[in-house]
Structures are given as structure tokens and as C-alpha cells.
Amino acid sequence: MSEGVDIVGVIIAGGKARRMGGGDKCLLPLGRGVLLDHIIARLRPQVAALALNANGAAGRFASFGVPVFADSLGDDIGPLSGILAALEWAAATYPRCRYVLTVAGDTPFFPLDLGARLSATAAASRADIVVATADGHDEPLFALWSTALAEDLRAAIAAGDRKIMQWAGRHRLARVAFDDGEAAFFNINTPDDLAAAAARLGGNEHGR
């Protein structure tokens, strides 16, 4: 892998899954694998390199063959800490990388053209952050982030920021609407959600 990549992808999976009884939601069984298998399969073709943001022992993800790193500032801050860790990991690993594409670790059916559409908007608008939307709602973990924002984000978290869009709104921000509605960003929070995802997958392993 060249260090001159433009975009790397990071799966944000640092949540504590309280409504699922704790543990790693991304390791829950789904179809012929686990949730993380489906997310990796969707994200890998969209980026030049791929990693996983998850707290705790990295060895439990060894079989997936992707780098794993923890939140930069501990696991009690929320997803902004995961985004910061993603920006810092990308900048350290691929110094010429310009953007990080993040996706949530509990959302198995996100669009296959997510990266292409967010990247096109970033190029056209020169935005620092490009966020996906569905049915008029922001999907802030499905976004493209300039690696140049890492220092600013670290300072913002230190100053008490915890809300993604509150911080994002202070930068050059663009949005891309996905017309397949909220179903594209359906996330698994409860056992019923997992059952619904399995039903949607049905005989189609890609859940299209």
C-alpha cells in the first residue's frame, strides 16, 4: 500500500452495546458471518486502506485482517473520540492521506457508493467534512473527514465538545442526501433490530 492514498476507511465500533447486553455488536452473528464481515465487505472496495476503531483487546479481531486501534482519549467520551483516533491513525500510517471515511460498526447496509458520492462532493465544494443524510437527518458517523482537522478536534474534545455535528458545524461542511431513506443507515441497537437485519438479508448475503 502506498503512503500516497487519498482516502482510508475506518469502522467506528467503540460503543458499549448496552441495549444488546454489552460486548461487541459488530461480532454478532448475521447471515453467513458476523456483522463486521458485512461492513468490511461493503467498505473495503470504497477505500484505499481499511482499519477498525474498537476499544479493549485487539486480538479478538485478529481473524478479520485489518488494523485495530482504540479511542485516543478513552472510551467514555463518545464517537468524537473514535473519529479523532481515526484521523490520527490515518495521518500517522499514511502521511499523505487527505480524508478518512468513517462508517458505524452496527450498520450493515450502508450505500455501496457512499465513498464515491462523499468524495465527489468534497472535491466540488472543497469541504473539510462531508456528511451523509437520509430523509433529512444527518448520519454523522457516515462522513468524510479531512485529516487536517485532527488537532482542532483534539482541542475541541478537551474543551468539552461531545456532539459530532456541533463540532462539524464550525468547519466547512457539506451534505449528501441518499434517496434510499433511513433503511440504508439502519443500525442494530436491540435484539429485534438484529432479527430485522437478518430478515432483510434473507437469501441475499449483501442485503440489497
N, C-alpha and C. Protein backbone atom coordinates (compact mmCIF):
# COMPACT_ATOMS: atom_id res chain seq x y z
N MET A 1 0.84 -1.19 0.00
CA MET A 1 0.00 0.00 0.00
C MET A 1 0.88 1.25 0.00
N SER A 2 0.66 2.15 -0.94
CA SER A 2 1.41 3.39 -1.00
C SER A 2 0.97 4.32 0.12
N GLU A 3 1.92 5.16 0.58
CA GLU A 3 1.56 6.16 1.58
C GLU A 3 0.81 7.32 0.95
N GLY A 4 0.68 7.36 -0.37
CA GLY A 4 0.04 8.47 -1.03
C GLY A 4 -1.45 8.28 -1.25
N VAL A 5 -2.11 7.49 -0.44
CA VAL A 5 -3.53 7.27 -0.63
C VAL A 5 -4.30 8.54 -0.31
N ASP A 6 -5.44 8.73 -0.98
CA ASP A 6 -6.29 9.88 -0.72
C ASP A 6 -7.26 9.63 0.42
N ILE A 7 -7.86 8.43 0.45
CA ILE A 7 -8.92 8.15 1.41
C ILE A 7 -8.70 6.79 2.06
N VAL A 8 -8.74 6.75 3.37
CA VAL A 8 -8.77 5.49 4.09
C VAL A 8 -10.11 5.37 4.79
N GLY A 9 -10.53 4.15 5.05
CA GLY A 9 -11.80 3.90 5.71
C GLY A 9 -11.59 3.39 7.12
N VAL A 10 -12.43 3.85 8.04
CA VAL A 10 -12.37 3.40 9.42
C VAL A 10 -13.77 3.04 9.91
N ILE A 11 -13.90 1.85 10.45
CA ILE A 11 -15.15 1.40 11.06
C ILE A 11 -15.12 1.79 12.53
N ILE A 12 -16.08 2.60 12.95
CA ILE A 12 -16.15 3.07 14.33
C ILE A 12 -17.01 2.09 15.13
N ALA A 13 -16.34 1.33 15.99
CA ALA A 13 -17.04 0.28 16.74
C ALA A 13 -16.68 0.35 18.22
N GLY A 14 -16.57 1.57 18.74
CA GLY A 14 -16.16 1.73 20.13
C GLY A 14 -17.28 1.75 21.14
N GLY A 15 -18.53 1.60 20.68
CA GLY A 15 -19.67 1.65 21.61
C GLY A 15 -19.72 0.46 22.55
N LYS A 16 -20.51 0.60 23.63
CA LYS A 16 -20.57 -0.44 24.66
C LYS A 16 -21.78 -1.36 24.53
N ALA A 17 -22.64 -1.12 23.56
CA ALA A 17 -23.75 -2.04 23.23
C ALA A 17 -24.60 -2.40 24.45
N ARG A 18 -24.95 -1.41 25.24
CA ARG A 18 -25.70 -1.69 26.47
C ARG A 18 -27.05 -2.33 26.19
N ARG A 19 -27.71 -1.88 25.11
CA ARG A 19 -29.04 -2.42 24.81
C ARG A 19 -28.99 -3.84 24.24
N MET A 20 -27.78 -4.29 23.89
CA MET A 20 -27.61 -5.66 23.42
C MET A 20 -27.00 -6.53 24.51
N GLY A 21 -26.92 -6.00 25.73
CA GLY A 21 -26.36 -6.77 26.83
C GLY A 21 -24.85 -6.65 26.96
N GLY A 22 -24.26 -5.66 26.29
CA GLY A 22 -22.82 -5.46 26.36
C GLY A 22 -22.07 -6.27 25.32
N GLY A 23 -20.77 -6.05 25.24
CA GLY A 23 -19.96 -6.77 24.26
C GLY A 23 -19.86 -6.02 22.96
N ASP A 24 -19.40 -6.71 21.93
CA ASP A 24 -19.18 -6.11 20.62
C ASP A 24 -20.36 -6.38 19.70
N LYS A 25 -21.11 -5.34 19.37
CA LYS A 25 -22.21 -5.53 18.42
C LYS A 25 -21.69 -6.02 17.07
N CYS A 26 -20.52 -5.55 16.68
CA CYS A 26 -20.02 -5.91 15.35
C CYS A 26 -19.67 -7.39 15.23
N LEU A 27 -19.62 -8.10 16.36
CA LEU A 27 -19.33 -9.54 16.31
C LEU A 27 -20.59 -10.40 16.45
N LEU A 28 -21.75 -9.77 16.41
CA LEU A 28 -22.99 -10.53 16.46
C LEU A 28 -23.20 -11.30 15.16
N PRO A 29 -23.75 -12.50 15.22
CA PRO A 29 -23.95 -13.29 14.00
C PRO A 29 -24.97 -12.66 13.07
N LEU A 30 -24.66 -12.66 11.79
CA LEU A 30 -25.57 -12.15 10.78
C LEU A 30 -25.27 -12.86 9.46
N GLY A 31 -26.26 -13.56 8.92
CA GLY A 31 -26.05 -14.28 7.68
C GLY A 31 -25.00 -15.36 7.85
N ARG A 32 -24.08 -15.43 6.88
CA ARG A 32 -23.04 -16.46 6.92
C ARG A 32 -21.79 -15.99 7.67
N GLY A 33 -21.92 -14.95 8.44
CA GLY A 33 -20.79 -14.45 9.20
C GLY A 33 -21.25 -13.66 10.40
N VAL A 34 -20.56 -12.57 10.68
CA VAL A 34 -20.97 -11.66 11.74
C VAL A 34 -21.15 -10.29 11.11
N LEU A 35 -21.70 -9.39 11.89
CA LEU A 35 -21.98 -8.04 11.39
C LEU A 35 -20.75 -7.39 10.77
N LEU A 36 -19.61 -7.56 11.41
CA LEU A 36 -18.40 -6.93 10.90
C LEU A 36 -18.01 -7.45 9.52
N ASP A 37 -18.28 -8.70 9.22
CA ASP A 37 -17.98 -9.23 7.89
C ASP A 37 -18.71 -8.43 6.81
N HIS A 38 -19.97 -8.11 7.06
CA HIS A 38 -20.78 -7.38 6.08
C HIS A 38 -20.29 -5.95 5.92
N ILE A 39 -19.91 -5.34 7.04
CA ILE A 39 -19.43 -3.96 6.98
C ILE A 39 -18.10 -3.88 6.23
N ILE A 40 -17.19 -4.79 6.53
CA ILE A 40 -15.91 -4.81 5.82
C ILE A 40 -16.12 -5.04 4.32
N ALA A 41 -17.01 -5.97 3.98
CA ALA A 41 -17.26 -6.27 2.56
C ALA A 41 -17.79 -5.06 1.81
N ARG A 42 -18.58 -4.23 2.48
CA ARG A 42 -19.12 -3.03 1.83
C ARG A 42 -18.09 -1.91 1.76
N LEU A 43 -17.30 -1.76 2.81
CA LEU A 43 -16.40 -0.62 2.87
C LEU A 43 -15.10 -0.84 2.09
N ARG A 44 -14.57 -2.06 2.11
CA ARG A 44 -13.24 -2.29 1.52
C ARG A 44 -13.13 -1.81 0.07
N PRO A 45 -14.12 -2.08 -0.81
CA PRO A 45 -13.96 -1.62 -2.20
C PRO A 45 -14.04 -0.10 -2.36
N GLN A 46 -14.46 0.62 -1.32
CA GLN A 46 -14.67 2.05 -1.43
C GLN A 46 -13.47 2.89 -0.99
N VAL A 47 -12.45 2.24 -0.42
CA VAL A 47 -11.32 2.98 0.15
C VAL A 47 -10.00 2.33 -0.24
N ALA A 48 -8.91 3.06 -0.04
CA ALA A 48 -7.58 2.54 -0.38
C ALA A 48 -6.99 1.70 0.74
N ALA A 49 -7.44 1.93 1.96
CA ALA A 49 -6.97 1.16 3.12
C ALA A 49 -8.09 1.17 4.15
N LEU A 50 -8.04 0.22 5.07
CA LEU A 50 -9.17 0.00 5.98
C LEU A 50 -8.65 -0.34 7.37
N ALA A 51 -9.34 0.18 8.41
CA ALA A 51 -8.99 -0.13 9.79
C ALA A 51 -10.24 -0.13 10.65
N LEU A 52 -10.08 -0.62 11.87
CA LEU A 52 -11.19 -0.73 12.81
C LEU A 52 -10.85 0.02 14.08
N ASN A 53 -11.75 0.89 14.52
CA ASN A 53 -11.62 1.57 15.80
C ASN A 53 -12.47 0.83 16.83
N ALA A 54 -11.81 0.19 17.79
CA ALA A 54 -12.52 -0.56 18.83
C ALA A 54 -11.66 -0.56 20.08
N ASN A 55 -12.30 -0.50 21.23
CA ASN A 55 -11.58 -0.49 22.50
C ASN A 55 -11.42 -1.90 23.05
N GLY A 56 -10.50 -2.06 23.98
CA GLY A 56 -10.25 -3.38 24.55
C GLY A 56 -9.19 -4.14 23.78
N ALA A 57 -9.12 -5.42 24.03
CA ALA A 57 -8.08 -6.27 23.42
C ALA A 57 -8.28 -6.39 21.91
N ALA A 58 -7.28 -5.97 21.17
CA ALA A 58 -7.38 -6.00 19.70
C ALA A 58 -7.38 -7.42 19.15
N GLY A 59 -6.85 -8.38 19.92
CA GLY A 59 -6.71 -9.74 19.42
C GLY A 59 -8.01 -10.41 19.04
N ARG A 60 -9.14 -9.95 19.61
CA ARG A 60 -10.42 -10.60 19.29
C ARG A 60 -10.85 -10.32 17.85
N PHE A 61 -10.17 -9.40 17.18
CA PHE A 61 -10.47 -9.09 15.78
C PHE A 61 -9.40 -9.61 14.82
N ALA A 62 -8.49 -10.42 15.32
CA ALA A 62 -7.34 -10.83 14.51
C ALA A 62 -7.74 -11.52 13.22
N SER A 63 -8.83 -12.27 13.24
CA SER A 63 -9.22 -13.05 12.06
C SER A 63 -9.72 -12.19 10.90
N PHE A 64 -9.99 -10.91 11.15
CA PHE A 64 -10.53 -10.05 10.10
C PHE A 64 -9.44 -9.40 9.25
N GLY A 65 -8.21 -9.45 9.70
CA GLY A 65 -7.10 -8.98 8.89
C GLY A 65 -7.05 -7.49 8.66
N VAL A 66 -7.55 -6.71 9.62
CA VAL A 66 -7.48 -5.25 9.49
C VAL A 66 -6.80 -4.68 10.74
N PRO A 67 -6.09 -3.56 10.60
CA PRO A 67 -5.51 -2.91 11.78
C PRO A 67 -6.61 -2.49 12.75
N VAL A 68 -6.31 -2.55 14.04
CA VAL A 68 -7.27 -2.17 15.08
C VAL A 68 -6.61 -1.15 16.01
N PHE A 69 -7.31 -0.08 16.32
CA PHE A 69 -6.78 0.90 17.27
C PHE A 69 -7.93 1.39 18.16
N ALA A 70 -7.57 1.78 19.39
CA ALA A 70 -8.56 2.22 20.37
C ALA A 70 -8.80 3.73 20.27
N ASP A 71 -9.84 4.20 20.97
CA ASP A 71 -10.10 5.63 21.06
C ASP A 71 -8.87 6.34 21.61
N SER A 72 -8.63 7.54 21.11
CA SER A 72 -7.44 8.29 21.53
C SER A 72 -7.54 8.78 22.97
N LEU A 73 -8.73 9.10 23.42
CA LEU A 73 -8.90 9.76 24.71
C LEU A 73 -9.74 8.94 25.67
N GLY A 74 -9.79 7.64 25.50
CA GLY A 74 -10.59 6.80 26.38
C GLY A 74 -11.95 6.54 25.78
N ASP A 75 -12.65 5.53 26.35
CA ASP A 75 -13.90 5.07 25.75
C ASP A 75 -15.14 5.67 26.39
N ASP A 76 -14.99 6.73 27.21
CA ASP A 76 -16.15 7.32 27.87
C ASP A 76 -16.53 8.67 27.28
N ILE A 77 -15.91 9.04 26.17
CA ILE A 77 -16.17 10.35 25.58
C ILE A 77 -17.25 10.27 24.51
N GLY A 78 -17.30 9.16 23.80
CA GLY A 78 -18.28 9.02 22.73
C GLY A 78 -17.61 8.96 21.38
N PRO A 79 -18.42 9.02 20.32
CA PRO A 79 -17.88 8.80 18.98
C PRO A 79 -16.88 9.84 18.50
N LEU A 80 -16.91 11.06 19.06
CA LEU A 80 -15.90 12.04 18.65
C LEU A 80 -14.49 11.54 18.94
N SER A 81 -14.33 10.78 20.03
CA SER A 81 -13.02 10.23 20.35
C SER A 81 -12.59 9.20 19.31
N GLY A 82 -13.55 8.43 18.82
CA GLY A 82 -13.24 7.48 17.76
C GLY A 82 -12.86 8.16 16.46
N ILE A 83 -13.55 9.24 16.14
CA ILE A 83 -13.21 9.99 14.92
C ILE A 83 -11.82 10.59 15.05
N LEU A 84 -11.50 11.14 16.22
CA LEU A 84 -10.15 11.66 16.45
C LEU A 84 -9.11 10.56 16.28
N ALA A 85 -9.36 9.41 16.87
CA ALA A 85 -8.42 8.30 16.73
C ALA A 85 -8.25 7.91 15.27
N ALA A 86 -9.34 7.93 14.50
CA ALA A 86 -9.26 7.60 13.08
C ALA A 86 -8.40 8.59 12.32
N LEU A 87 -8.58 9.88 12.60
CA LEU A 87 -7.80 10.91 11.91
C LEU A 87 -6.32 10.78 12.27
N GLU A 88 -6.04 10.52 13.54
CA GLU A 88 -4.65 10.43 13.97
C GLU A 88 -4.00 9.15 13.44
N TRP A 89 -4.75 8.04 13.42
CA TRP A 89 -4.21 6.81 12.87
C TRP A 89 -3.89 6.97 11.39
N ALA A 90 -4.81 7.57 10.64
CA ALA A 90 -4.61 7.74 9.20
C ALA A 90 -3.40 8.64 8.92
N ALA A 91 -3.29 9.74 9.66
CA ALA A 91 -2.18 10.66 9.43
C ALA A 91 -0.83 10.01 9.76
N ALA A 92 -0.81 9.18 10.80
CA ALA A 92 0.44 8.52 11.20
C ALA A 92 0.81 7.38 10.26
N THR A 93 -0.19 6.68 9.76
CA THR A 93 0.06 5.49 8.93
C THR A 93 0.25 5.83 7.47
N TYR A 94 -0.50 6.80 6.98
CA TYR A 94 -0.44 7.24 5.58
C TYR A 94 -0.32 8.76 5.59
N PRO A 95 0.88 9.28 5.75
CA PRO A 95 1.06 10.73 5.97
C PRO A 95 0.49 11.61 4.87
N ARG A 96 0.33 11.08 3.66
CA ARG A 96 -0.21 11.90 2.58
C ARG A 96 -1.72 11.69 2.39
N CYS A 97 -2.33 10.94 3.28
CA CYS A 97 -3.77 10.72 3.21
C CYS A 97 -4.50 12.03 3.48
N ARG A 98 -5.51 12.33 2.69
CA ARG A 98 -6.23 13.61 2.82
C ARG A 98 -7.53 13.47 3.61
N TYR A 99 -8.19 12.31 3.48
CA TYR A 99 -9.50 12.15 4.11
C TYR A 99 -9.63 10.77 4.74
N VAL A 100 -10.48 10.72 5.77
CA VAL A 100 -10.91 9.46 6.37
C VAL A 100 -12.41 9.33 6.15
N LEU A 101 -12.82 8.18 5.63
CA LEU A 101 -14.24 7.85 5.50
C LEU A 101 -14.62 6.96 6.68
N THR A 102 -15.53 7.43 7.52
CA THR A 102 -15.96 6.62 8.66
C THR A 102 -17.34 6.03 8.41
N VAL A 103 -17.54 4.84 8.98
CA VAL A 103 -18.86 4.21 8.99
C VAL A 103 -19.06 3.61 10.38
N ALA A 104 -20.31 3.41 10.75
CA ALA A 104 -20.61 2.85 12.07
C ALA A 104 -20.47 1.34 12.05
N GLY A 105 -20.08 0.78 13.20
CA GLY A 105 -19.86 -0.66 13.30
C GLY A 105 -21.09 -1.47 13.58
N ASP A 106 -22.26 -0.85 13.47
CA ASP A 106 -23.52 -1.58 13.71
C ASP A 106 -24.52 -1.39 12.59
N THR A 107 -24.03 -1.00 11.40
CA THR A 107 -24.90 -0.62 10.29
C THR A 107 -24.49 -1.41 9.04
N PRO A 108 -25.15 -2.51 8.75
CA PRO A 108 -24.64 -3.43 7.71
C PRO A 108 -25.06 -3.13 6.28
N PHE A 109 -25.95 -2.14 6.06
CA PHE A 109 -26.48 -1.96 4.71
C PHE A 109 -26.22 -0.57 4.14
N PHE A 110 -25.17 0.08 4.60
CA PHE A 110 -24.91 1.44 4.10
C PHE A 110 -24.59 1.40 2.60
N PRO A 111 -24.78 2.53 1.91
CA PRO A 111 -24.68 2.53 0.44
C PRO A 111 -23.32 2.09 -0.09
N LEU A 112 -23.36 1.35 -1.19
CA LEU A 112 -22.14 0.89 -1.83
C LEU A 112 -21.41 2.03 -2.55
N ASP A 113 -22.10 3.14 -2.77
CA ASP A 113 -21.46 4.30 -3.40
C ASP A 113 -21.24 5.43 -2.40
N LEU A 114 -21.25 5.12 -1.12
CA LEU A 114 -21.07 6.13 -0.08
C LEU A 114 -19.78 6.92 -0.29
N GLY A 115 -18.66 6.21 -0.39
CA GLY A 115 -17.38 6.88 -0.53
C GLY A 115 -17.29 7.71 -1.80
N ALA A 116 -17.77 7.17 -2.91
CA ALA A 116 -17.68 7.88 -4.18
C ALA A 116 -18.47 9.19 -4.15
N ARG A 117 -19.67 9.14 -3.59
CA ARG A 117 -20.50 10.34 -3.58
C ARG A 117 -20.00 11.39 -2.59
N LEU A 118 -19.54 10.95 -1.42
CA LEU A 118 -18.99 11.92 -0.47
C LEU A 118 -17.70 12.53 -1.01
N SER A 119 -16.87 11.72 -1.66
CA SER A 119 -15.62 12.22 -2.23
C SER A 119 -15.87 13.22 -3.34
N ALA A 120 -16.85 12.94 -4.20
CA ALA A 120 -17.16 13.87 -5.28
C ALA A 120 -17.61 15.22 -4.74
N THR A 121 -18.39 15.18 -3.68
CA THR A 121 -18.84 16.44 -3.08
C THR A 121 -17.70 17.17 -2.42
N ALA A 122 -16.79 16.44 -1.76
CA ALA A 122 -15.63 17.09 -1.15
C ALA A 122 -14.78 17.79 -2.21
N ALA A 123 -14.59 17.13 -3.35
CA ALA A 123 -13.79 17.71 -4.42
C ALA A 123 -14.45 18.95 -5.01
N ALA A 124 -15.78 18.90 -5.17
CA ALA A 124 -16.50 20.01 -5.79
C ALA A 124 -16.65 21.20 -4.86
N SER A 125 -16.81 20.93 -3.57
CA SER A 125 -17.10 22.00 -2.61
C SER A 125 -15.91 22.45 -1.79
N ARG A 126 -14.82 21.65 -1.84
CA ARG A 126 -13.64 21.90 -1.00
C ARG A 126 -13.99 21.88 0.49
N ALA A 127 -14.98 21.09 0.83
CA ALA A 127 -15.40 20.97 2.22
C ALA A 127 -14.37 20.18 3.03
N ASP A 128 -14.29 20.50 4.31
CA ASP A 128 -13.44 19.74 5.22
C ASP A 128 -14.15 18.48 5.71
N ILE A 129 -15.48 18.55 5.76
CA ILE A 129 -16.30 17.45 6.25
C ILE A 129 -17.49 17.30 5.32
N VAL A 130 -17.79 16.07 4.92
CA VAL A 130 -18.97 15.79 4.12
C VAL A 130 -19.75 14.68 4.82
N VAL A 131 -21.02 14.98 5.17
CA VAL A 131 -21.84 14.07 5.96
C VAL A 131 -22.99 13.54 5.11
N ALA A 132 -23.26 12.25 5.23
CA ALA A 132 -24.42 11.66 4.58
C ALA A 132 -25.69 12.04 5.32
N THR A 133 -26.77 12.21 4.58
CA THR A 133 -28.08 12.43 5.18
C THR A 133 -29.08 11.46 4.56
N ALA A 134 -30.15 11.18 5.31
CA ALA A 134 -31.24 10.35 4.82
C ALA A 134 -32.54 10.87 5.41
N ASP A 135 -33.53 11.08 4.55
CA ASP A 135 -34.82 11.62 4.99
C ASP A 135 -34.65 12.89 5.80
N GLY A 136 -33.69 13.71 5.41
CA GLY A 136 -33.48 14.99 6.06
C GLY A 136 -32.72 14.94 7.36
N HIS A 137 -32.23 13.77 7.75
CA HIS A 137 -31.50 13.63 9.00
C HIS A 137 -30.02 13.35 8.73
N ASP A 138 -29.16 14.01 9.49
CA ASP A 138 -27.73 13.73 9.38
C ASP A 138 -27.41 12.33 9.89
N GLU A 139 -26.45 11.70 9.23
CA GLU A 139 -25.90 10.42 9.68
C GLU A 139 -24.43 10.66 9.96
N PRO A 140 -24.11 11.25 11.13
CA PRO A 140 -22.77 11.82 11.33
C PRO A 140 -21.62 10.83 11.38
N LEU A 141 -21.88 9.55 11.61
CA LEU A 141 -20.77 8.60 11.55
C LEU A 141 -20.47 8.15 10.12
N PHE A 142 -21.35 8.50 9.20
CA PHE A 142 -21.14 8.18 7.78
C PHE A 142 -20.69 9.45 7.10
N ALA A 143 -19.40 9.70 7.18
CA ALA A 143 -18.90 11.01 6.77
C ALA A 143 -17.45 10.91 6.32
N LEU A 144 -17.04 11.94 5.61
CA LEU A 144 -15.67 12.09 5.13
C LEU A 144 -15.05 13.24 5.92
N TRP A 145 -13.87 12.98 6.50
CA TRP A 145 -13.23 13.95 7.40
C TRP A 145 -11.84 14.27 6.90
N SER A 146 -11.50 15.55 6.81
CA SER A 146 -10.14 15.94 6.46
C SER A 146 -9.20 15.60 7.60
N THR A 147 -8.09 14.96 7.28
CA THR A 147 -7.11 14.62 8.32
C THR A 147 -6.49 15.87 8.93
N ALA A 148 -6.60 17.01 8.25
CA ALA A 148 -6.05 18.26 8.79
C ALA A 148 -6.81 18.75 10.02
N LEU A 149 -7.97 18.14 10.31
CA LEU A 149 -8.80 18.58 11.43
C LEU A 149 -8.42 17.94 12.76
N ALA A 150 -7.46 17.03 12.77
CA ALA A 150 -7.18 16.27 13.99
C ALA A 150 -6.83 17.16 15.17
N GLU A 151 -5.94 18.10 14.98
CA GLU A 151 -5.53 18.94 16.09
C GLU A 151 -6.69 19.77 16.63
N ASP A 152 -7.49 20.32 15.72
CA ASP A 152 -8.66 21.09 16.14
C ASP A 152 -9.64 20.22 16.91
N LEU A 153 -9.86 18.99 16.46
CA LEU A 153 -10.80 18.11 17.14
C LEU A 153 -10.29 17.73 18.53
N ARG A 154 -9.00 17.46 18.64
CA ARG A 154 -8.45 17.13 19.96
C ARG A 154 -8.66 18.29 20.93
N ALA A 155 -8.46 19.52 20.46
CA ALA A 155 -8.65 20.68 21.31
C ALA A 155 -10.12 20.86 21.68
N ALA A 156 -11.01 20.60 20.72
CA ALA A 156 -12.44 20.74 20.97
C ALA A 156 -12.92 19.74 22.02
N ILE A 157 -12.44 18.51 21.93
CA ILE A 157 -12.82 17.50 22.92
C ILE A 157 -12.30 17.91 24.30
N ALA A 158 -11.07 18.40 24.34
CA ALA A 158 -10.50 18.84 25.61
C ALA A 158 -11.31 19.98 26.21
N ALA A 159 -11.94 20.79 25.34
CA ALA A 159 -12.75 21.92 25.81
C ALA A 159 -14.17 21.51 26.17
N GLY A 160 -14.50 20.23 25.97
CA GLY A 160 -15.80 19.75 26.40
C GLY A 160 -16.76 19.36 25.30
N ASP A 161 -16.39 19.49 24.03
CA ASP A 161 -17.28 19.09 22.94
C ASP A 161 -17.51 17.59 22.96
N ARG A 162 -18.76 17.20 22.78
CA ARG A 162 -19.10 15.78 22.72
C ARG A 162 -20.03 15.46 21.54
N LYS A 163 -20.64 16.46 20.93
CA LYS A 163 -21.60 16.25 19.84
C LYS A 163 -20.92 16.44 18.50
N ILE A 164 -21.03 15.42 17.66
CA ILE A 164 -20.33 15.43 16.38
C ILE A 164 -20.71 16.64 15.53
N MET A 165 -22.01 16.84 15.32
CA MET A 165 -22.43 17.89 14.39
C MET A 165 -22.20 19.29 14.95
N GLN A 166 -22.18 19.42 16.25
CA GLN A 166 -21.87 20.72 16.84
C GLN A 166 -20.46 21.13 16.48
N TRP A 167 -19.53 20.17 16.60
CA TRP A 167 -18.16 20.47 16.21
C TRP A 167 -18.03 20.60 14.70
N ALA A 168 -18.65 19.70 13.96
CA ALA A 168 -18.54 19.72 12.49
C ALA A 168 -19.07 21.03 11.92
N GLY A 169 -20.10 21.59 12.53
CA GLY A 169 -20.71 22.81 12.02
C GLY A 169 -19.80 24.02 12.07
N ARG A 170 -18.70 23.93 12.77
CA ARG A 170 -17.76 25.05 12.84
C ARG A 170 -16.71 24.99 11.72
N HIS A 171 -16.86 24.02 10.85
CA HIS A 171 -15.91 23.86 9.75
C HIS A 171 -16.64 23.89 8.41
N ARG A 172 -15.89 23.86 7.33
CA ARG A 172 -16.51 23.82 6.00
C ARG A 172 -17.20 22.47 5.85
N LEU A 173 -18.52 22.53 5.88
CA LEU A 173 -19.33 21.31 5.96
C LEU A 173 -20.24 21.21 4.74
N ALA A 174 -20.31 20.03 4.16
CA ALA A 174 -21.25 19.76 3.07
C ALA A 174 -22.03 18.50 3.42
N ARG A 175 -23.16 18.33 2.76
CA ARG A 175 -24.01 17.17 2.99
C ARG A 175 -24.36 16.51 1.66
N VAL A 176 -24.56 15.21 1.70
CA VAL A 176 -25.00 14.45 0.53
C VAL A 176 -26.23 13.65 0.94
N ALA A 177 -27.34 13.87 0.24
CA ALA A 177 -28.58 13.17 0.55
C ALA A 177 -28.63 11.84 -0.20
N PHE A 178 -28.95 10.79 0.52
CA PHE A 178 -29.11 9.46 -0.08
C PHE A 178 -30.60 9.16 -0.14
N ASP A 179 -31.09 8.87 -1.35
CA ASP A 179 -32.52 8.78 -1.58
C ASP A 179 -33.13 7.43 -1.23
N ASP A 180 -32.31 6.51 -0.70
CA ASP A 180 -32.87 5.23 -0.30
C ASP A 180 -33.35 5.26 1.14
N GLY A 181 -33.42 6.45 1.71
CA GLY A 181 -34.06 6.63 3.01
C GLY A 181 -33.28 6.06 4.17
N GLU A 182 -33.93 6.04 5.31
CA GLU A 182 -33.27 5.62 6.53
C GLU A 182 -32.85 4.15 6.51
N ALA A 183 -33.48 3.35 5.65
CA ALA A 183 -33.15 1.92 5.62
C ALA A 183 -31.68 1.69 5.29
N ALA A 184 -31.10 2.58 4.49
CA ALA A 184 -29.69 2.42 4.12
C ALA A 184 -28.79 2.54 5.34
N PHE A 185 -29.22 3.29 6.33
CA PHE A 185 -28.42 3.51 7.52
C PHE A 185 -29.05 2.86 8.75
N PHE A 186 -29.82 1.82 8.50
CA PHE A 186 -30.43 1.06 9.59
C PHE A 186 -29.35 0.49 10.48
N ASN A 187 -29.42 0.81 11.78
CA ASN A 187 -28.39 0.31 12.69
C ASN A 187 -28.99 -0.62 13.74
N ILE A 188 -28.15 -1.48 14.24
CA ILE A 188 -28.59 -2.54 15.14
C ILE A 188 -28.31 -2.13 16.58
N ASN A 189 -29.39 -1.88 17.32
CA ASN A 189 -29.27 -1.50 18.72
C ASN A 189 -29.86 -2.51 19.67
N THR A 190 -30.80 -3.33 19.19
CA THR A 190 -31.54 -4.25 20.04
C THR A 190 -31.60 -5.63 19.38
N PRO A 191 -31.97 -6.66 20.14
CA PRO A 191 -32.16 -7.97 19.51
C PRO A 191 -33.20 -7.95 18.40
N ASP A 192 -34.24 -7.14 18.53
CA ASP A 192 -35.24 -7.03 17.46
C ASP A 192 -34.62 -6.45 16.19
N ASP A 193 -33.72 -5.47 16.36
CA ASP A 193 -33.04 -4.90 15.20
C ASP A 193 -32.19 -5.95 14.49
N LEU A 194 -31.53 -6.78 15.28
CA LEU A 194 -30.71 -7.84 14.68
C LEU A 194 -31.58 -8.81 13.90
N ALA A 195 -32.74 -9.15 14.45
CA ALA A 195 -33.67 -10.04 13.75
C ALA A 195 -34.15 -9.40 12.46
N ALA A 196 -34.41 -8.09 12.49
CA ALA A 196 -34.85 -7.39 11.29
C ALA A 196 -33.76 -7.37 10.23
N ALA A 197 -32.52 -7.20 10.66
CA ALA A 197 -31.40 -7.21 9.70
C ALA A 197 -31.26 -8.58 9.07
N ALA A 198 -31.42 -9.63 9.87
CA ALA A 198 -31.35 -11.00 9.33
C ALA A 198 -32.46 -11.25 8.33
N ALA A 199 -33.66 -10.73 8.63
CA ALA A 199 -34.78 -10.89 7.72
C ALA A 199 -34.56 -10.15 6.43
N ARG A 200 -33.99 -8.95 6.53
CA ARG A 200 -33.70 -8.19 5.32
C ARG A 200 -32.65 -8.89 4.48
N LEU A 201 -31.66 -9.45 5.15
CA LEU A 201 -30.60 -10.15 4.42
C LEU A 201 -31.20 -11.34 3.68
N GLY A 202 -32.01 -12.11 4.39
CA GLY A 202 -32.69 -13.25 3.76
C GLY A 202 -31.75 -14.09 2.95
N GLY A 203 -32.12 -14.36 1.71
CA GLY A 203 -31.28 -15.17 0.83
C GLY A 203 -30.24 -14.37 0.10
N ASN A 204 -30.20 -13.03 0.33
CA ASN A 204 -29.24 -12.20 -0.35
C ASN A 204 -28.17 -11.78 0.64
N GLU A 205 -26.99 -12.34 0.52
CA GLU A 205 -25.95 -12.11 1.51
C GLU A 205 -25.52 -10.65 1.58
N HIS A 206 -25.82 -9.87 0.54
CA HIS A 206 -25.41 -8.46 0.54
C HIS A 206 -26.52 -7.54 1.05
N GLY A 207 -27.73 -8.05 1.25
CA GLY A 207 -28.80 -7.24 1.80
C GLY A 207 -29.26 -6.11 0.90
N ARG A 208 -29.05 -6.23 -0.40
CA ARG A 208 -29.50 -5.16 -1.30
C ARG A 208 -31.02 -5.15 -1.42
